[in-house]
Amino acid sequence: MKRILVSICLLTLAVIANAQQDGVYSNHLFSMQEYNPAYAGIRGVMSGTIMHRSQWLGLEGAPNSEFIAINSPLPFYKLSGGFSLSSDRIGPLSTTSLALDAARDLRISEKSFLRYGIRLSGIFSNANFAELNLNDGNDALFAANMRSKLAANVGFGAIYFYDKFYVGISSPRMANRKYKSSNQSDMIVMQTQRQICFNGGAILPVSRDILLRPTFLARITSGAPVSFDLATTAVYKDRFWFGLMGRFGDALGVSVGGNVIDALQVGYAFDASIGGVSGYTSHEIVVRYDMPRDNQKLVSTLRYF
């Protein structure tokens, strides 16, 4: 009976985690490599990104996420490569994912081209029962943490660009997987579902110094509500930005940031929950560094994506 209850608790957490299994970021432009492998090398230089998000601040067991990525064009066959590591925690359940991406450009016309990419990833989870407040602290069933076996998955993505507009489609993980415990073989620590993502954006000049950058990101996951983010960011003199965002039925927020130096960007995002977990706020910090080749100028249309 206890094993059944534990399984129900873990599956409940898994359903919650599944709803945001690839992380939820208000600064989604900085984390697009997590959703779409075609973003590897998209900036035309070696680029590294570090993000942290504290969700529903003040709520015990609330989600926390980190995302680290590095990607770069490769010197052959118009290929690019990327590596990313993401970590998500909710209550006693933590999940770590590693991914290797490969992407390629296909020129269609002078103003348009297609990027497509593939992904090989691995994910494992850990249930830390020591974080739970149990009525019976000596319950043997909760004495040992549960860790899942590392399980592989694959993904794909594509982005079509025309002038200063783009649209993308991807599936970060194409296979539905259940992750069984490595030390209690009859227990399922976590499960993930296939997810389809759609995203797009544009650059709209307002004046010589100001550009508007509208973007959207939609994520469709089996067994979870559709997540739809809509954001508009104003970029001033290619150095500073201020943005407004909304996640339909879930949150409203703002973001600010800028270039500390030409190659280094720092940003912050704040959003307030308006959905089922209302009254809480979430906070994000992002740092991205681009490594230009020689005297290569970084400002380009792709810089804004």
Protein backbone atom coordinates (compact mmCIF):
# COMPACT_ATOMS: atom_id res chain seq x y z
CA MET A 1 0.00 0.00 0.00
CA LYS A 2 2.81 2.39 0.91
CA ARG A 3 4.53 1.69 -2.39
CA ILE A 4 1.31 2.59 -4.18
CA LEU A 5 1.09 5.88 -2.27
CA VAL A 6 4.72 6.69 -3.03
CA SER A 7 4.13 5.96 -6.70
CA ILE A 8 1.06 8.24 -6.69
CA CYS A 9 3.08 11.06 -5.06
CA LEU A 10 5.91 10.70 -7.55
CA LEU A 11 3.56 10.53 -10.50
CA THR A 12 1.77 13.67 -9.27
CA LEU A 13 5.09 15.50 -9.13
CA ALA A 14 5.96 14.05 -12.51
CA VAL A 15 2.76 15.44 -14.03
CA ILE A 16 3.57 18.91 -12.63
CA ALA A 17 7.15 18.66 -13.85
CA ASN A 18 5.98 17.34 -17.20
CA ALA A 19 3.98 20.52 -17.75
CA GLN A 20 7.27 22.44 -17.82
CA GLN A 21 9.65 19.58 -18.56
CA ASP A 22 12.02 21.77 -20.59
CA GLY A 23 12.04 24.71 -18.18
CA VAL A 24 9.93 27.87 -18.23
CA TYR A 25 11.79 31.11 -18.93
CA SER A 26 10.35 34.57 -19.44
CA ASN A 27 13.56 35.49 -21.33
CA HIS A 28 12.81 32.66 -23.75
CA LEU A 29 14.97 34.14 -26.54
CA PHE A 30 18.05 33.33 -24.45
CA SER A 31 16.97 29.73 -23.84
CA MET A 32 15.77 28.80 -27.33
CA GLN A 33 18.55 26.22 -27.72
CA GLU A 34 16.76 24.21 -25.03
CA TYR A 35 13.62 24.05 -27.17
CA ASN A 36 15.10 23.90 -30.68
CA PRO A 37 18.46 22.31 -31.68
CA ALA A 38 18.52 24.41 -34.88
CA TYR A 39 19.53 27.36 -32.69
CA ALA A 40 23.01 25.89 -32.18
CA GLY A 41 25.47 28.33 -33.78
CA ILE A 42 22.74 30.70 -34.94
CA ARG A 43 24.64 33.83 -33.83
CA GLY A 44 27.51 33.08 -36.17
CA VAL A 45 30.13 33.04 -33.40
CA MET A 46 30.98 30.89 -30.40
CA SER A 47 28.40 31.82 -27.78
CA GLY A 48 27.77 30.79 -24.17
CA THR A 49 24.66 31.35 -22.03
CA ILE A 50 23.94 30.87 -18.33
CA MET A 51 20.42 31.29 -16.92
CA HIS A 52 18.81 30.88 -13.51
CA ARG A 53 15.10 31.07 -12.65
CA SER A 54 13.48 31.05 -9.22
CA GLN A 55 9.77 30.43 -9.72
CA TRP A 56 6.98 31.33 -7.28
CA LEU A 57 9.39 32.86 -4.77
CA GLY A 58 8.40 32.11 -1.17
CA LEU A 59 6.41 28.96 -1.96
CA GLU A 60 7.97 25.89 -0.36
CA GLY A 61 9.08 23.32 -2.93
CA ALA A 62 8.56 25.74 -5.83
CA PRO A 63 10.42 25.09 -9.11
CA ASN A 64 13.99 26.31 -9.67
CA SER A 65 15.74 25.99 -13.02
CA GLU A 66 19.22 26.48 -14.48
CA PHE A 67 20.26 26.37 -18.10
CA ILE A 68 23.83 26.39 -19.46
CA ALA A 69 24.57 26.28 -23.18
CA ILE A 70 27.52 26.73 -25.51
CA ASN A 71 27.38 26.60 -29.29
CA SER A 72 29.47 27.58 -32.27
CA PRO A 73 29.69 27.35 -36.06
CA LEU A 74 31.99 24.56 -37.22
CA PRO A 75 34.60 24.99 -39.96
CA PHE A 76 33.11 22.46 -42.38
CA TYR A 77 29.92 21.72 -44.34
CA LYS A 78 28.12 24.83 -42.97
CA LEU A 79 27.55 22.90 -39.75
CA SER A 80 27.18 24.19 -36.19
CA GLY A 81 27.40 22.32 -32.91
CA GLY A 82 26.07 22.89 -29.42
CA PHE A 83 26.02 21.46 -25.91
CA SER A 84 23.52 22.28 -23.18
CA LEU A 85 22.85 21.27 -19.60
CA SER A 86 19.57 21.99 -17.84
CA SER A 87 18.59 21.35 -14.24
CA ASP A 88 15.07 21.59 -12.82
CA ARG A 89 13.91 21.05 -9.24
CA ILE A 90 10.37 20.91 -7.87
CA GLY A 91 9.79 19.71 -4.32
CA PRO A 92 11.92 16.59 -3.68
CA LEU A 93 12.20 15.83 -7.41
CA SER A 94 15.20 17.05 -9.44
CA THR A 95 15.89 16.43 -13.10
CA THR A 96 19.10 16.92 -15.10
CA SER A 97 19.28 16.85 -18.86
CA LEU A 98 22.31 16.84 -21.17
CA ALA A 99 22.03 17.50 -24.92
CA LEU A 100 24.29 17.52 -27.98
CA ASP A 101 23.00 19.47 -30.99
CA ALA A 102 24.05 19.69 -34.63
CA ALA A 103 22.61 22.24 -37.07
CA ARG A 104 23.07 23.23 -40.70
CA ASP A 105 22.14 26.17 -42.95
CA LEU A 106 20.38 25.83 -46.27
CA ARG A 107 20.30 29.01 -48.35
CA ILE A 108 17.01 29.38 -50.26
CA SER A 109 17.31 32.88 -51.71
CA GLU A 110 19.17 36.13 -51.13
CA LYS A 111 16.82 37.05 -48.29
CA SER A 112 15.78 33.67 -46.93
CA PHE A 113 17.33 30.52 -45.58
CA LEU A 114 16.44 27.46 -43.54
CA ARG A 115 18.25 26.08 -40.50
CA TYR A 116 17.59 22.55 -39.33
CA GLY A 117 19.05 20.59 -36.46
CA ILE A 118 19.03 17.28 -34.63
CA ARG A 119 19.58 16.41 -30.97
CA LEU A 120 20.81 13.51 -28.89
CA SER A 121 19.99 13.91 -25.21
CA GLY A 122 20.05 12.06 -21.92
CA ILE A 123 18.02 12.70 -18.79
CA PHE A 124 17.98 11.38 -15.26
CA SER A 125 15.98 12.24 -12.14
CA ASN A 126 16.39 12.02 -8.40
CA ALA A 127 13.76 11.93 -5.64
CA ASN A 128 15.26 13.24 -2.40
CA PHE A 129 12.94 12.03 0.37
CA ALA A 130 15.09 13.71 3.03
CA GLU A 131 13.42 17.00 2.02
CA LEU A 132 9.95 15.71 2.95
CA ASN A 133 8.36 16.28 6.35
CA LEU A 134 7.17 12.78 7.22
CA ASN A 135 4.94 11.72 10.10
CA ASP A 136 7.05 8.61 10.46
CA GLY A 137 10.71 9.59 10.03
CA ASN A 138 11.77 5.94 10.36
CA ASP A 139 9.69 4.66 7.45
CA ALA A 140 12.05 2.34 5.58
CA LEU A 141 10.34 3.05 2.28
CA PHE A 142 11.54 6.68 2.45
CA ALA A 143 14.94 5.89 3.95
CA ALA A 144 16.76 5.84 0.60
CA ASN A 145 16.55 8.38 -2.18
CA MET A 146 15.47 7.15 -5.59
CA ARG A 147 17.50 7.81 -8.73
CA SER A 148 16.43 7.03 -12.25
CA LYS A 149 18.57 5.34 -14.84
CA LEU A 150 20.00 7.60 -17.53
CA ALA A 151 17.71 7.39 -20.56
CA ALA A 152 18.47 8.63 -24.08
CA ASN A 153 16.18 10.56 -26.38
CA VAL A 154 16.32 12.37 -29.71
CA GLY A 155 14.95 15.66 -31.00
CA PHE A 156 14.74 17.81 -34.12
CA GLY A 157 14.14 21.43 -35.03
CA ALA A 158 13.94 23.83 -37.96
CA ILE A 159 13.82 27.61 -38.39
CA TYR A 160 12.88 29.49 -41.54
CA PHE A 161 14.14 33.06 -41.98
CA TYR A 162 12.92 35.65 -44.45
CA ASP A 163 14.51 39.10 -44.24
CA LYS A 164 13.81 40.16 -40.64
CA PHE A 165 11.12 37.59 -39.84
CA TYR A 166 11.41 33.98 -38.75
CA VAL A 167 9.30 31.01 -37.65
CA GLY A 168 10.39 27.71 -36.13
CA ILE A 169 9.11 24.25 -35.21
CA SER A 170 10.79 21.66 -33.02
CA SER A 171 10.43 18.64 -30.77
CA PRO A 172 13.12 18.74 -28.05
CA ARG A 173 12.37 15.13 -27.06
CA MET A 174 10.48 13.00 -29.54
CA ALA A 175 9.97 9.84 -27.45
CA ASN A 176 7.65 9.38 -24.46
CA ARG A 177 9.74 7.91 -21.66
CA LYS A 178 9.25 6.58 -18.13
CA TYR A 179 12.27 6.72 -15.84
CA LYS A 180 12.45 3.82 -13.43
CA SER A 181 14.40 3.91 -10.18
CA SER A 182 17.89 2.44 -10.35
CA ASN A 183 17.67 1.20 -6.73
CA GLN A 184 13.92 0.32 -6.53
CA SER A 185 13.18 -1.25 -9.89
CA ASP A 186 9.37 -1.25 -9.54
CA MET A 187 9.19 2.50 -8.92
CA ILE A 188 8.82 5.17 -11.63
CA VAL A 189 10.72 8.31 -10.62
CA MET A 190 9.56 10.49 -13.53
CA GLN A 191 8.01 10.41 -16.97
CA THR A 192 8.31 12.80 -19.91
CA GLN A 193 6.01 13.28 -22.86
CA ARG A 194 6.69 14.28 -26.44
CA GLN A 195 6.57 18.05 -26.84
CA ILE A 196 6.04 20.14 -29.99
CA CYS A 197 7.19 23.77 -29.98
CA PHE A 198 6.37 26.63 -32.34
CA ASN A 199 8.16 29.97 -32.18
CA GLY A 200 8.63 33.08 -34.25
CA GLY A 201 9.58 36.72 -34.23
CA ALA A 202 10.56 39.82 -36.16
CA ILE A 203 12.59 43.03 -36.05
CA LEU A 204 10.52 46.17 -36.63
CA PRO A 205 12.39 49.51 -36.92
CA VAL A 206 10.65 52.34 -35.05
CA SER A 207 13.34 54.99 -35.43
CA ARG A 208 17.07 55.20 -36.09
CA ASP A 209 17.79 54.22 -32.47
CA ILE A 210 14.84 51.99 -31.49
CA LEU A 211 13.83 48.56 -32.76
CA LEU A 212 10.86 46.47 -31.65
CA ARG A 213 11.36 42.73 -31.28
CA PRO A 214 8.01 40.85 -31.00
CA THR A 215 8.33 37.10 -30.34
CA PHE A 216 6.17 34.13 -29.42
CA LEU A 217 6.74 30.62 -28.12
CA ALA A 218 4.06 27.91 -27.99
CA ARG A 219 4.63 24.50 -26.40
CA ILE A 220 2.21 21.61 -26.80
CA THR A 221 2.72 18.68 -24.43
CA SER A 222 0.53 15.61 -24.08
CA GLY A 223 -1.30 15.62 -20.75
CA ALA A 224 -0.55 19.29 -19.99
CA PRO A 225 -2.15 22.65 -20.89
CA VAL A 226 -0.78 24.44 -23.95
CA SER A 227 1.81 27.04 -22.93
CA PHE A 228 1.86 30.23 -25.02
CA ASP A 229 4.32 33.08 -24.40
CA LEU A 230 4.01 36.43 -26.16
CA ALA A 231 6.62 39.16 -25.70
CA THR A 232 7.61 42.51 -27.16
CA THR A 233 11.02 44.02 -26.51
CA ALA A 234 12.28 47.50 -27.37
CA VAL A 235 16.00 47.63 -28.23
CA TYR A 236 17.74 51.00 -27.87
CA LYS A 237 20.91 51.71 -29.88
CA ASP A 238 21.73 47.99 -30.06
CA ARG A 239 22.79 48.09 -26.42
CA PHE A 240 19.83 48.17 -24.03
CA TRP A 241 16.42 46.52 -23.99
CA PHE A 242 13.15 46.66 -22.10
CA GLY A 243 10.40 44.14 -22.66
CA LEU A 244 6.88 43.12 -21.70
CA MET A 245 5.73 39.48 -21.74
CA GLY A 246 2.67 37.40 -21.03
CA ARG A 247 2.18 33.68 -20.58
CA PHE A 248 -1.49 33.11 -21.32
CA GLY A 249 -3.43 32.18 -18.19
CA ASP A 250 -0.27 32.00 -16.11
CA ALA A 251 1.92 35.10 -15.75
CA LEU A 252 2.69 38.69 -16.75
CA GLY A 253 6.19 40.13 -16.59
CA VAL A 254 8.89 42.58 -17.64
CA SER A 255 12.51 42.18 -18.67
CA VAL A 256 15.48 44.56 -18.80
CA GLY A 257 19.07 44.17 -19.88
CA GLY A 258 21.93 45.41 -21.94
CA ASN A 259 25.41 44.94 -23.29
CA VAL A 260 28.00 45.46 -20.56
CA ILE A 261 30.51 45.32 -23.41
CA ASP A 262 29.84 44.51 -27.07
CA ALA A 263 30.26 40.76 -26.49
CA LEU A 264 28.67 40.46 -23.03
CA GLN A 265 24.93 40.69 -22.34
CA VAL A 266 23.27 40.67 -18.92
CA GLY A 267 19.53 40.53 -18.38
CA TYR A 268 16.87 40.25 -15.67
CA ALA A 269 13.22 39.23 -15.89
CA PHE A 270 10.39 39.43 -13.38
CA ASP A 271 6.94 37.94 -13.71
CA ALA A 272 3.89 37.71 -11.45
CA SER A 273 1.60 34.68 -11.42
CA ILE A 274 -2.01 35.24 -12.40
CA GLY A 275 -3.06 31.60 -12.85
CA GLY A 276 -3.62 28.75 -10.42
CA VAL A 277 -0.60 29.72 -8.27
CA SER A 278 -1.42 33.43 -8.01
CA GLY A 279 0.17 35.88 -5.60
CA TYR A 280 3.74 34.72 -6.20
CA THR A 281 6.55 36.22 -8.27
CA SER A 282 9.33 34.64 -10.32
CA HIS A 283 12.80 36.02 -11.08
CA GLU A 284 15.39 35.27 -13.76
CA ILE A 285 18.99 36.24 -14.42
CA VAL A 286 20.78 35.61 -17.72
CA VAL A 287 24.36 36.17 -18.87
CA ARG A 288 25.48 35.57 -22.45
CA TYR A 289 28.95 36.00 -23.94
CA ASP A 290 29.75 35.98 -27.65
CA MET A 291 33.30 35.38 -28.81
CA PRO A 292 33.81 37.29 -32.08
CA ARG A 293 36.37 36.13 -34.61
CA ASP A 294 39.07 38.77 -35.14
CA ASN A 295 37.32 42.11 -35.75
CA GLN A 296 33.97 40.59 -36.68
CA LYS A 297 31.07 42.95 -35.96
CA LEU A 298 28.43 41.29 -33.81
CA VAL A 299 25.41 43.43 -34.68
CA SER A 300 23.26 41.68 -37.29
CA THR A 301 19.66 40.55 -37.72
CA LEU A 302 20.53 37.21 -36.12
CA ARG A 303 21.84 38.99 -33.06
CA TYR A 304 18.28 39.74 -32.00
CA PHE A 305 17.25 36.08 -32.16
